[in-house]
Amino acid sequence: MTVAQPRDTATFAWPVPLPREVVAGEGPGFILRARAAVMGDPTGIDVLTNLLSARTDGAISLDSTATGPGISLAVTDAETAESYRLIASADGVEVVGSDAAGLFYGIQTLMQVIERTDDGWRVPAVQITDAPRFAYRGVMLDVARHFFPVEVVLGVIDRAAQLKLNHLHLHLSDDQGWRIEIPSRSELTRLASATAIGRDPGGFYTAEDYARIVAYAAARHLTVVPEIDLPGHTHAVGLAYPDIVEPPVLSEHIREIVEAYGSTLPVAGKAYEGIAVGFSSLRIGEPATEAFVADVVSDLAAMTPGPYLHVGGDEALGTDPADYAAFVSLASRIVADAGKVPVMWHEAGAAPDLHPGTIGQYWGFVSPTDGMDAKARGFVARGGRVILSPADAVYLDMKDAEDSELGLTWANGVTSVERAYAWEPASVLDGVAESDILGVEAALWTETVRTATDIDTLMFPRIAAAAEAAWSPAVERHPLRTWDSFRIRVAARAGLWDALGIRFRRSPEIPWRDGDAS
């Protein structure tokens, strides 16, 4: 591997996430004219045109009829999916992707390395060769605790795509509300979608809304992973189908949470607007319950072109352990019968009869506690793989500073930007090889999140740390995979993020370079 030493680390706009190989070239690089020549892949040209206009505030436009040195975009067959090569010199800029996704990611990197000069804009002389570490690079948005309109979700997709994330996990149901139209079970959205935490308004996505989200994501090379959380987190289900849910289990733990956060105890048959978890459960073993799950999974699978369907399985504290094991095994088979790969939170890994190949999502800590790692290994033992979402590193709903008005602190306290960066995926779960890790996913739960600005504030810059863990080489395999390097590279993103309308928090951990300095 060849790694360039930056000519000036204070000004060279090193990309985030860090590429595999970067070689700095000689000379001034490629100077961008007001009307820059562009040629090649039409879809890539459209993407670049929009981004470049935003990045330069309209100072640079692209012209496919112009002659002379310019920007060339191409797709070529290669064995490594999503990979790309970017070469810039005084003679022009070339971005070549192994596939459409690779070209798209190469364009995102090009946007990061563009620099403002005294008299315009340029692409510095550089050669970048890049490919992802993990196939699954995700972000989760909880639209159940608080509901967000379609346009907000599309904004999250844009933000994820520019960091080379390729999966959008939507948490579509919880105790507070049901957020997706299920044609065969219309009572869910009619009776269980209207409320949210703190008496905020609810809402739901129609089948047409969901199709729009899926299509928008696909155009940016993201796969939508829908989640219906079962058998816990199902209080809202009881508003529509009371016969298939158990009464709330009001344990001392639930009462402590309610007291700490000033909410109310859940009541059967009434909408829940608090933040306690673990009190609700489906009635396991009832034919009506199995029919409900089969209907929901069948309809959702038909609406979802991607390979994955998530059926939850976390925090089912109100469910008998034997019933829980039987249910998650049943649910995994129902998903598989619907033609999808089942995904479940790590607790389900302890069930002995999970469908082979079920994917586990680990939300325990970077240093596992309470046997969470053993449960995650259960998926690997049955031919599945693991998605890593350690809560004390990539749960974006955690506070990033003590004085933050947004976020919680249950995942080992405040999650600073440095803590979000300082972990290595292959070191979290003993007995789980790197080949057993499908990827990394940052999660944004929305107990305290109500607006698009709130989403940006908690996501950025920490989501960039998660993106680097998912895309870039392992820490020990690259000299620039360090916190000191990352904070300088993130600092150089301020101008781009401003141009893209991202309302990021200027964390004091980052030496921000605002405006045109990036």
Protein backbone atom coordinates (compact mmCIF):
# COMPACT_ATOMS: atom_id res chain seq x y z
CA MET A 1 0.00 0.00 0.00
CA THR A 2 1.26 3.44 -0.92
CA VAL A 3 0.20 6.30 1.31
CA ALA A 4 0.96 9.88 0.38
CA GLN A 5 2.31 12.21 2.97
CA PRO A 6 0.18 15.36 2.65
CA ARG A 7 2.03 18.36 1.35
CA ASP A 8 0.35 20.41 4.05
CA THR A 9 -2.02 18.66 6.42
CA ALA A 10 -3.59 21.99 7.33
CA THR A 11 -4.87 22.54 3.79
CA PHE A 12 -4.95 19.19 1.94
CA ALA A 13 -8.54 17.93 1.97
CA TRP A 14 -8.04 14.28 2.84
CA PRO A 15 -11.28 12.34 2.29
CA VAL A 16 -13.66 10.88 4.86
CA PRO A 17 -13.98 7.95 4.98
CA LEU A 18 -10.26 7.39 4.43
CA PRO A 19 -9.46 5.71 1.07
CA ARG A 20 -7.30 2.63 0.79
CA GLU A 21 -4.52 4.29 -1.19
CA VAL A 22 -3.69 7.92 -1.82
CA VAL A 23 -0.69 9.16 -3.79
CA ALA A 24 -0.14 12.90 -3.98
CA GLY A 25 1.00 14.07 -7.40
CA GLU A 26 3.21 16.90 -8.60
CA GLY A 27 2.09 20.27 -9.83
CA PRO A 28 -0.95 22.45 -9.18
CA GLY A 29 -3.54 19.87 -10.17
CA PHE A 30 -6.52 20.59 -12.41
CA ILE A 31 -7.92 24.11 -12.49
CA LEU A 32 -11.70 24.18 -12.84
CA ARG A 33 -13.00 26.69 -15.36
CA ALA A 34 -16.35 28.42 -14.96
CA ARG A 35 -17.69 26.02 -17.60
CA ALA A 36 -15.71 22.81 -17.11
CA ALA A 37 -15.69 20.14 -19.78
CA VAL A 38 -17.23 16.81 -18.76
CA MET A 39 -17.64 13.52 -20.59
CA GLY A 40 -18.68 9.96 -19.98
CA ASP A 41 -21.39 8.26 -17.93
CA PRO A 42 -24.65 10.30 -18.16
CA THR A 43 -25.91 9.36 -14.70
CA GLY A 44 -22.58 10.24 -13.18
CA ILE A 45 -22.60 13.58 -14.98
CA ASP A 46 -26.02 14.39 -13.48
CA VAL A 47 -24.77 13.56 -9.97
CA LEU A 48 -21.58 15.56 -10.40
CA THR A 49 -23.39 18.54 -11.92
CA ASN A 50 -25.70 18.92 -8.94
CA LEU A 51 -22.99 18.43 -6.33
CA LEU A 52 -20.45 20.70 -8.01
CA SER A 53 -22.97 23.51 -8.37
CA ALA A 54 -23.81 23.26 -4.66
CA ARG A 55 -20.18 22.95 -3.60
CA THR A 56 -19.04 26.04 -5.55
CA ASP A 57 -22.22 28.06 -5.02
CA GLY A 58 -22.83 27.97 -8.76
CA ALA A 59 -19.39 29.29 -9.70
CA ILE A 60 -18.54 26.13 -11.66
CA SER A 61 -20.87 24.46 -14.13
CA LEU A 62 -20.29 21.46 -16.38
CA ASP A 63 -20.52 21.41 -20.16
CA SER A 64 -20.63 18.12 -22.04
CA THR A 65 -20.05 19.98 -25.34
CA ALA A 66 -16.89 21.77 -24.24
CA THR A 67 -13.53 20.68 -25.60
CA GLY A 68 -10.12 20.44 -24.00
CA PRO A 69 -9.06 19.02 -20.62
CA GLY A 70 -11.94 18.22 -18.32
CA ILE A 71 -13.55 15.60 -16.10
CA SER A 72 -14.08 12.07 -17.40
CA LEU A 73 -16.53 9.68 -15.70
CA ALA A 74 -16.70 5.99 -16.55
CA VAL A 75 -17.84 2.60 -15.34
CA THR A 76 -15.75 -0.47 -16.06
CA ASP A 77 -16.21 -4.08 -15.02
CA ALA A 78 -14.02 -5.07 -12.09
CA GLU A 79 -14.07 -7.81 -9.49
CA THR A 80 -14.32 -5.51 -6.45
CA ALA A 81 -17.83 -4.12 -6.13
CA GLU A 82 -18.26 -0.43 -5.24
CA SER A 83 -14.59 0.36 -5.88
CA TYR A 84 -13.25 3.32 -7.82
CA ARG A 85 -10.11 5.11 -9.00
CA LEU A 86 -9.67 8.89 -9.11
CA ILE A 87 -6.73 10.50 -10.95
CA ALA A 88 -6.25 14.25 -11.15
CA SER A 89 -3.47 16.20 -12.86
CA ALA A 90 -3.07 19.33 -14.93
CA ASP A 91 -4.36 17.30 -17.88
CA GLY A 92 -7.77 16.61 -16.30
CA VAL A 93 -9.65 14.47 -13.83
CA GLU A 94 -10.65 10.85 -14.37
CA VAL A 95 -13.07 8.94 -12.12
CA VAL A 96 -13.58 5.27 -12.96
CA GLY A 97 -15.93 3.04 -10.99
CA SER A 98 -16.03 -0.73 -10.96
CA ASP A 99 -19.80 -0.38 -11.19
CA ALA A 100 -22.37 2.40 -10.93
CA ALA A 101 -21.99 2.53 -7.15
CA GLY A 102 -18.21 2.77 -7.43
CA LEU A 103 -18.48 5.72 -9.80
CA PHE A 104 -20.99 7.38 -7.47
CA TYR A 105 -18.58 7.01 -4.53
CA GLY A 106 -15.69 8.29 -6.61
CA ILE A 107 -17.72 11.42 -7.34
CA GLN A 108 -18.37 11.87 -3.61
CA THR A 109 -14.63 11.73 -3.00
CA LEU A 110 -14.02 14.22 -5.81
CA MET A 111 -16.35 16.66 -4.05
CA GLN A 112 -14.26 16.34 -0.90
CA VAL A 113 -10.85 16.97 -2.49
CA ILE A 114 -11.91 20.03 -4.50
CA GLU A 115 -10.17 23.09 -3.07
CA ARG A 116 -10.83 26.81 -3.31
CA THR A 117 -7.88 28.85 -4.54
CA ASP A 118 -7.29 32.60 -4.59
CA ASP A 119 -8.86 32.83 -8.05
CA GLY A 120 -11.22 29.89 -8.28
CA TRP A 121 -11.38 26.15 -7.68
CA ARG A 122 -9.09 23.24 -8.39
CA VAL A 123 -8.68 19.50 -7.94
CA PRO A 124 -5.22 18.88 -6.44
CA ALA A 125 -2.89 16.46 -8.21
CA VAL A 126 -3.67 13.10 -6.65
CA GLN A 127 -4.31 9.45 -7.38
CA ILE A 128 -6.81 7.59 -5.19
CA THR A 129 -7.57 3.88 -5.37
CA ASP A 130 -10.39 2.85 -3.09
CA ALA A 131 -12.81 0.06 -2.16
CA PRO A 132 -14.96 -0.67 0.90
CA ARG A 133 -13.94 -2.87 3.79
CA PHE A 134 -17.47 -4.12 4.55
CA ALA A 135 -20.33 -4.82 2.17
CA TYR A 136 -22.98 -3.48 4.59
CA ARG A 137 -22.58 0.13 5.70
CA GLY A 138 -25.74 1.42 7.28
CA VAL A 139 -27.59 4.09 9.14
CA MET A 140 -30.81 3.51 11.07
CA LEU A 141 -33.52 6.12 11.51
CA ASP A 142 -36.20 5.53 14.13
CA VAL A 143 -39.43 6.98 12.74
CA ALA A 144 -41.60 5.33 15.40
CA ARG A 145 -40.75 7.30 18.56
CA HIS A 146 -41.10 10.47 16.51
CA PHE A 147 -42.42 10.47 12.96
CA PHE A 148 -40.64 12.29 10.12
CA PRO A 149 -42.11 13.26 6.75
CA VAL A 150 -40.82 11.68 3.56
CA GLU A 151 -38.71 14.74 2.67
CA VAL A 152 -36.78 14.41 5.92
CA VAL A 153 -36.03 10.76 5.20
CA LEU A 154 -34.82 11.69 1.72
CA GLY A 155 -32.47 14.19 3.33
CA VAL A 156 -31.04 11.47 5.56
CA ILE A 157 -30.47 9.35 2.45
CA ASP A 158 -28.50 12.18 0.80
CA ARG A 159 -26.38 12.61 3.90
CA ALA A 160 -25.66 8.89 4.18
CA ALA A 161 -24.79 8.56 0.50
CA GLN A 162 -22.12 11.26 0.55
CA LEU A 163 -20.29 9.24 3.24
CA LYS A 164 -20.54 6.03 1.16
CA LEU A 165 -23.14 4.37 3.40
CA ASN A 166 -25.28 1.92 1.44
CA HIS A 167 -28.15 0.77 3.68
CA LEU A 168 -30.99 2.73 5.28
CA HIS A 169 -32.61 0.83 8.13
CA LEU A 170 -36.05 2.25 8.99
CA HIS A 171 -37.43 1.40 12.43
CA LEU A 172 -41.09 1.45 11.43
CA SER A 173 -42.92 0.30 14.54
CA ASP A 174 -42.64 0.63 18.30
CA ASP A 175 -44.75 1.14 21.40
CA GLN A 176 -45.48 4.74 20.38
CA GLY A 177 -46.75 4.15 16.85
CA TRP A 178 -47.03 2.09 13.68
CA ARG A 179 -45.57 3.95 10.69
CA ILE A 180 -46.07 1.87 7.52
CA GLU A 181 -49.22 1.02 5.56
CA ILE A 182 -49.86 -2.73 5.50
CA PRO A 183 -52.60 -3.41 2.93
CA SER A 184 -53.86 -6.58 4.58
CA ARG A 185 -53.88 -4.97 8.05
CA SER A 186 -55.28 -1.48 7.50
CA GLU A 187 -56.27 -1.08 11.16
CA LEU A 188 -52.60 -0.60 12.06
CA THR A 189 -52.31 2.80 10.43
CA ARG A 190 -55.94 3.75 11.07
CA LEU A 191 -55.78 3.17 14.82
CA ALA A 192 -52.11 2.97 15.84
CA SER A 193 -50.23 5.70 13.96
CA ALA A 194 -51.51 9.03 15.26
CA THR A 195 -49.29 9.61 18.31
CA ALA A 196 -45.62 9.96 19.25
CA ILE A 197 -43.49 10.68 22.30
CA GLY A 198 -44.44 13.75 24.29
CA ARG A 199 -47.86 14.14 22.68
CA ASP A 200 -46.25 15.05 19.37
CA PRO A 201 -48.21 14.20 16.23
CA GLY A 202 -47.64 10.82 14.65
CA GLY A 203 -48.08 9.76 11.07
CA PHE A 204 -47.31 6.95 8.68
CA TYR A 205 -45.95 6.22 5.22
CA THR A 206 -48.42 5.09 2.58
CA ALA A 207 -47.32 2.36 0.20
CA GLU A 208 -46.64 5.14 -2.33
CA ASP A 209 -44.53 7.08 0.22
CA TYR A 210 -42.50 3.99 0.98
CA ALA A 211 -41.99 3.26 -2.72
CA ARG A 212 -40.73 6.81 -3.17
CA ILE A 213 -38.23 6.38 -0.32
CA VAL A 214 -37.05 3.05 -1.73
CA ALA A 215 -36.58 4.48 -5.23
CA TYR A 216 -34.79 7.60 -3.99
CA ALA A 217 -32.43 5.46 -1.92
CA ALA A 218 -31.74 3.08 -4.81
CA ALA A 219 -30.78 6.00 -7.06
CA ARG A 220 -28.10 6.82 -4.47
CA HIS A 221 -27.05 3.18 -4.04
CA LEU A 222 -28.73 2.63 -0.68
CA THR A 223 -30.85 -0.42 0.09
CA VAL A 224 -33.81 0.12 2.42
CA VAL A 225 -34.06 -2.35 5.32
CA PRO A 226 -37.52 -2.13 6.93
CA GLU A 227 -37.92 -3.13 10.56
CA ILE A 228 -41.08 -4.21 12.34
CA ASP A 229 -40.08 -4.75 15.97
CA LEU A 230 -41.50 -7.96 17.47
CA PRO A 231 -42.52 -9.48 19.90
CA GLY A 232 -41.74 -6.58 22.27
CA HIS A 233 -42.11 -2.89 21.42
CA THR A 234 -45.66 -3.76 20.33
CA HIS A 235 -47.93 -1.61 22.50
CA ALA A 236 -49.16 0.26 19.41
CA VAL A 237 -50.15 -3.05 17.78
CA GLY A 238 -52.59 -3.52 20.65
CA LEU A 239 -54.43 -0.33 19.73
CA ALA A 240 -55.43 -1.98 16.46
CA TYR A 241 -55.46 -5.67 17.42
CA PRO A 242 -55.90 -5.96 21.19
CA ASP A 243 -56.49 -9.71 21.10
CA ILE A 244 -52.89 -10.49 20.08
CA VAL A 245 -51.02 -8.47 22.75
CA GLU A 246 -50.42 -9.10 26.43
CA PRO A 247 -51.19 -6.47 29.10
CA PRO A 248 -48.21 -4.20 29.89
CA VAL A 249 -45.73 -5.72 32.33
CA LEU A 250 -45.06 -2.91 34.81
CA SER A 251 -41.79 -4.01 36.37
CA GLU A 252 -39.75 -1.96 38.82
CA HIS A 253 -37.40 -1.17 35.92
CA ILE A 254 -40.24 0.36 33.94
CA ARG A 255 -41.37 2.40 36.93
CA GLU A 256 -37.83 3.73 37.46
CA ILE A 257 -37.58 4.88 33.83
CA VAL A 258 -40.96 6.58 34.00
CA GLU A 259 -39.97 8.39 37.19
CA ALA A 260 -36.56 9.42 35.80
CA TYR A 261 -37.94 10.89 32.59
CA GLY A 262 -41.22 12.24 33.85
CA SER A 263 -43.48 10.23 31.57
CA THR A 264 -46.47 8.04 32.40
CA LEU A 265 -46.98 4.31 32.79
CA PRO A 266 -48.39 2.45 29.79
CA VAL A 267 -52.06 1.48 29.91
CA ALA A 268 -53.54 -1.30 27.78
CA GLY A 269 -55.61 0.06 24.92
CA LYS A 270 -54.36 3.64 25.26
CA ALA A 271 -51.71 5.29 23.10
CA TYR A 272 -48.29 5.37 24.77
CA GLU A 273 -46.29 8.62 24.60
CA GLY A 274 -43.42 7.89 27.02
CA ILE A 275 -39.95 6.41 26.52
CA ALA A 276 -39.91 3.32 28.75
CA VAL A 277 -39.12 0.05 26.96
CA GLY A 278 -39.60 -3.63 27.63
CA PHE A 279 -43.14 -3.72 28.95
CA SER A 280 -45.04 -4.93 25.89
CA SER A 281 -45.36 -8.31 24.18
CA LEU A 282 -47.37 -10.15 21.60
CA ARG A 283 -49.29 -13.20 22.74
CA ILE A 284 -47.02 -16.04 21.75
CA GLY A 285 -48.47 -19.29 20.44
CA GLU A 286 -51.84 -17.88 19.41
CA PRO A 287 -52.91 -18.66 15.82
CA ALA A 288 -54.10 -15.06 15.44
CA THR A 289 -50.63 -13.78 16.37
CA GLU A 290 -48.91 -16.00 13.82
CA ALA A 291 -51.40 -14.93 11.15
CA PHE A 292 -50.73 -11.28 11.98
CA VAL A 293 -46.96 -11.69 11.64
CA ALA A 294 -47.33 -13.62 8.39
CA ASP A 295 -49.59 -10.94 6.90
CA VAL A 296 -47.32 -8.06 7.90
CA VAL A 297 -44.15 -9.78 6.69
CA SER A 298 -45.74 -10.86 3.41
CA ASP A 299 -46.99 -7.37 2.58
CA LEU A 300 -43.78 -5.64 3.63
CA ALA A 301 -41.64 -8.13 1.69
CA ALA A 302 -43.71 -7.47 -1.43
CA MET A 303 -43.09 -3.71 -1.02
CA THR A 304 -39.35 -4.09 -0.43
CA PRO A 305 -36.97 -4.94 -3.31
CA GLY A 306 -33.92 -5.26 -1.05
CA PRO A 307 -32.85 -8.63 0.39
CA TYR A 308 -33.29 -7.88 4.10
CA LEU A 309 -36.30 -7.66 6.42
CA HIS A 310 -35.72 -6.85 10.08
CA VAL A 311 -38.12 -8.23 12.70
CA GLY A 312 -36.60 -6.77 15.84
CA GLY A 313 -36.35 -9.11 18.81
CA ASP A 314 -34.79 -6.65 21.26
CA GLU A 315 -35.77 -5.78 24.81
CA ALA A 316 -38.67 -8.22 25.03
CA LEU A 317 -38.55 -7.98 28.81
CA GLY A 318 -42.26 -8.64 29.15
CA THR A 319 -42.09 -11.94 27.25
CA ASP A 320 -41.49 -15.35 28.83
CA PRO A 321 -38.00 -16.53 27.72
CA ALA A 322 -39.26 -19.82 26.30
CA ASP A 323 -42.04 -18.03 24.44
CA TYR A 324 -39.52 -15.50 23.17
CA ALA A 325 -37.23 -18.19 21.75
CA ALA A 326 -40.15 -19.90 20.05
CA PHE A 327 -41.41 -16.63 18.59
CA VAL A 328 -38.14 -15.32 17.12
CA SER A 329 -37.54 -18.72 15.53
CA LEU A 330 -41.02 -18.63 14.01
CA ALA A 331 -40.57 -15.04 12.82
CA SER A 332 -37.24 -15.85 11.17
CA ARG A 333 -38.86 -18.68 9.23
CA ILE A 334 -41.78 -16.49 8.17
CA VAL A 335 -39.35 -13.90 6.79
CA ALA A 336 -37.35 -16.56 4.96
CA ASP A 337 -40.55 -18.04 3.50
CA ALA A 338 -41.37 -14.55 2.19
CA GLY A 339 -38.11 -14.59 0.24
CA LYS A 340 -36.10 -12.25 2.46
CA VAL A 341 -33.05 -12.62 4.69
CA PRO A 342 -34.20 -12.23 8.30
CA VAL A 343 -32.38 -9.69 10.48
CA MET A 344 -32.80 -9.52 14.26
CA TRP A 345 -31.24 -7.75 17.19
CA HIS A 346 -28.60 -9.79 18.99
CA GLU A 347 -30.87 -11.14 21.75
CA ALA A 348 -32.43 -13.53 19.24
CA GLY A 349 -29.09 -15.27 18.76
CA ALA A 350 -29.74 -17.35 21.87
CA ALA A 351 -32.78 -19.06 20.29
CA PRO A 352 -31.83 -22.59 19.18
CA ASP A 353 -34.15 -22.83 16.18
CA LEU A 354 -33.49 -19.63 14.24
CA HIS A 355 -33.67 -20.00 10.50
CA PRO A 356 -30.12 -20.72 9.21
CA GLY A 357 -28.48 -17.60 7.79
CA THR A 358 -30.40 -15.12 9.95
CA ILE A 359 -28.39 -11.92 10.40
CA GLY A 360 -27.77 -10.62 13.92
CA GLN A 361 -27.45 -6.94 14.78
CA TYR A 362 -25.30 -6.37 17.84
CA TRP A 363 -26.22 -3.31 19.92
CA GLY A 364 -24.20 -4.11 23.05
CA PHE A 365 -21.14 -2.18 24.12
CA VAL A 366 -17.70 -2.11 22.50
CA SER A 367 -16.64 -4.24 25.49
CA PRO A 368 -19.55 -6.73 25.70
CA THR A 369 -21.43 -7.26 28.97
CA ASP A 370 -24.06 -9.68 30.25
CA GLY A 371 -23.41 -12.37 27.63
CA MET A 372 -24.37 -10.12 24.72
CA ASP A 373 -21.40 -11.39 22.72
CA ALA A 374 -22.46 -15.01 23.18
CA LYS A 375 -25.90 -14.23 21.80
CA ALA A 376 -24.35 -12.51 18.78
CA ARG A 377 -22.13 -15.53 18.15
CA GLY A 378 -25.28 -17.64 17.95
CA PHE A 379 -26.06 -16.15 14.53
CA VAL A 380 -22.62 -17.08 13.19
CA ALA A 381 -22.99 -20.62 14.55
CA ARG A 382 -26.15 -21.00 12.43
CA GLY A 383 -24.58 -19.77 9.22
CA GLY A 384 -25.46 -16.09 9.62
CA ARG A 385 -23.34 -12.98 9.97
CA VAL A 386 -23.32 -9.96 12.27
CA ILE A 387 -23.94 -6.23 11.82
CA LEU A 388 -22.10 -4.20 14.45
CA SER A 389 -23.93 -1.30 16.12
CA PRO A 390 -22.17 -0.94 19.49
CA ALA A 391 -24.30 1.50 21.44
CA ASP A 392 -21.44 3.31 23.15
CA ALA A 393 -19.79 4.06 19.80
CA VAL A 394 -22.37 4.40 17.01
CA TYR A 395 -25.71 5.04 18.71
CA LEU A 396 -26.10 8.59 17.44
CA ASP A 397 -28.91 9.32 19.89
CA MET A 398 -26.43 9.44 22.77
CA LYS A 399 -25.39 12.89 23.93
CA ASP A 400 -22.12 14.05 22.40
CA ALA A 401 -21.48 16.51 25.23
CA GLU A 402 -22.64 16.83 28.82
CA ASP A 403 -24.48 20.07 28.13
CA SER A 404 -26.29 18.85 25.00
CA GLU A 405 -30.04 19.40 25.06
CA LEU A 406 -30.47 16.39 22.75
CA GLY A 407 -29.77 12.77 23.44
CA LEU A 408 -29.52 10.27 26.27
CA THR A 409 -26.59 8.83 28.25
CA TRP A 410 -27.49 5.23 29.10
CA ALA A 411 -24.77 3.78 26.81
CA ASN A 412 -21.86 4.38 29.19
CA GLY A 413 -22.44 8.10 29.35
CA VAL A 414 -21.61 10.77 26.77
CA THR A 415 -20.42 9.51 23.37
CA SER A 416 -17.90 12.07 22.20
CA VAL A 417 -16.71 12.24 18.59
CA GLU A 418 -13.42 10.67 19.66
CA ARG A 419 -15.20 7.77 21.36
CA ALA A 420 -17.35 7.28 18.26
CA TYR A 421 -14.13 6.90 16.28
CA ALA A 422 -11.91 4.96 18.68
CA TRP A 423 -13.11 1.39 18.16
CA GLU A 424 -12.21 -1.41 15.81
CA PRO A 425 -15.02 -3.62 14.42
CA ALA A 426 -12.96 -6.82 14.32
CA SER A 427 -12.10 -6.48 18.03
CA VAL A 428 -15.60 -6.23 19.50
CA LEU A 429 -16.78 -9.85 19.52
CA ASP A 430 -14.37 -12.62 20.47
CA GLY A 431 -14.85 -15.68 18.29
CA VAL A 432 -16.32 -13.66 15.41
CA ALA A 433 -13.92 -13.40 12.50
CA GLU A 434 -13.86 -10.39 10.19
CA SER A 435 -15.43 -12.57 7.48
CA ASP A 436 -18.37 -13.12 9.87
CA ILE A 437 -19.03 -9.37 10.07
CA LEU A 438 -21.49 -8.22 7.41
CA GLY A 439 -20.86 -4.59 8.29
CA VAL A 440 -21.39 -1.59 10.55
CA GLU A 441 -24.54 0.44 11.18
CA ALA A 442 -24.95 3.70 13.06
CA ALA A 443 -28.35 4.02 14.75
CA LEU A 444 -30.37 7.14 15.52
CA TRP A 445 -33.20 6.48 17.95
CA THR A 446 -35.51 9.44 18.32
CA GLU A 447 -36.74 9.67 21.88
CA THR A 448 -35.36 13.25 22.05
CA VAL A 449 -35.28 13.97 18.31
CA ARG A 450 -38.18 15.92 16.81
CA THR A 451 -36.91 17.81 13.75
CA ALA A 452 -34.61 17.49 10.75
CA THR A 453 -32.23 19.90 12.49
CA ASP A 454 -32.14 17.60 15.52
CA ILE A 455 -31.23 14.72 13.22
CA ASP A 456 -28.33 16.64 11.70
CA THR A 457 -27.12 17.84 15.08
CA LEU A 458 -26.82 14.34 16.51
CA MET A 459 -25.65 12.67 13.30
CA PHE A 460 -22.82 15.01 12.35
CA PRO A 461 -19.91 14.72 12.74
CA ARG A 462 -20.19 11.35 14.54
CA ILE A 463 -21.75 9.54 11.58
CA ALA A 464 -18.51 10.21 9.71
CA ALA A 465 -16.71 8.11 12.32
CA ALA A 466 -19.12 5.23 11.76
CA ALA A 467 -18.70 5.57 8.00
CA GLU A 468 -14.94 5.29 8.34
CA ALA A 469 -15.25 2.18 10.52
CA ALA A 470 -17.48 0.64 7.83
CA TRP A 471 -15.53 1.68 4.71
CA SER A 472 -11.87 2.23 5.50
CA PRO A 473 -9.07 -0.25 6.24
CA ALA A 474 -8.71 -1.57 9.79
CA VAL A 475 -6.87 0.68 12.24
CA GLU A 476 -3.65 -1.33 12.17
CA ARG A 477 -3.61 -1.53 8.35
CA HIS A 478 -3.30 2.15 7.54
CA PRO A 479 -1.12 4.82 9.18
CA LEU A 480 -3.79 7.49 8.76
CA ARG A 481 -6.57 5.49 10.45
CA THR A 482 -6.08 7.50 13.63
CA TRP A 483 -8.09 9.96 15.66
CA ASP A 484 -5.57 12.73 15.02
CA SER A 485 -5.86 12.21 11.25
CA PHE A 486 -9.64 11.86 11.34
CA ARG A 487 -10.28 15.08 13.25
CA ILE A 488 -8.20 17.06 10.72
CA ARG A 489 -9.93 15.42 7.78
CA VAL A 490 -13.39 16.03 9.27
CA ALA A 491 -12.43 19.65 9.94
CA ALA A 492 -11.93 20.09 6.19
CA ARG A 493 -15.51 18.98 5.53
CA ALA A 494 -17.10 22.12 6.98
CA GLY A 495 -17.40 23.95 3.67
CA LEU A 496 -18.86 20.93 1.86
CA TRP A 497 -21.34 20.18 4.63
CA ASP A 498 -22.41 23.80 4.74
CA ALA A 499 -22.89 23.75 0.96
CA LEU A 500 -25.03 20.61 1.23
CA GLY A 501 -27.25 22.21 3.87
CA ILE A 502 -26.13 19.94 6.71
CA ARG A 503 -26.70 21.60 10.08
CA PHE A 504 -23.83 19.86 11.83
CA ARG A 505 -22.67 20.56 15.35
CA ARG A 506 -19.25 22.24 15.45
CA SER A 507 -17.88 20.00 18.16
CA PRO A 508 -14.94 21.55 20.04
CA GLU A 509 -13.13 18.25 19.49
CA ILE A 510 -12.67 19.18 15.81
CA PRO A 511 -10.43 22.06 14.58
CA TRP A 512 -13.06 23.26 12.12
CA ARG A 513 -12.05 25.04 8.94
CA ASP A 514 -15.16 26.95 8.03
CA GLY A 515 -16.32 28.40 4.75
CA ASP A 516 -14.06 28.31 1.73
CA ALA A 517 -11.04 26.98 3.61
CA SER A 518 -12.13 23.45 2.88
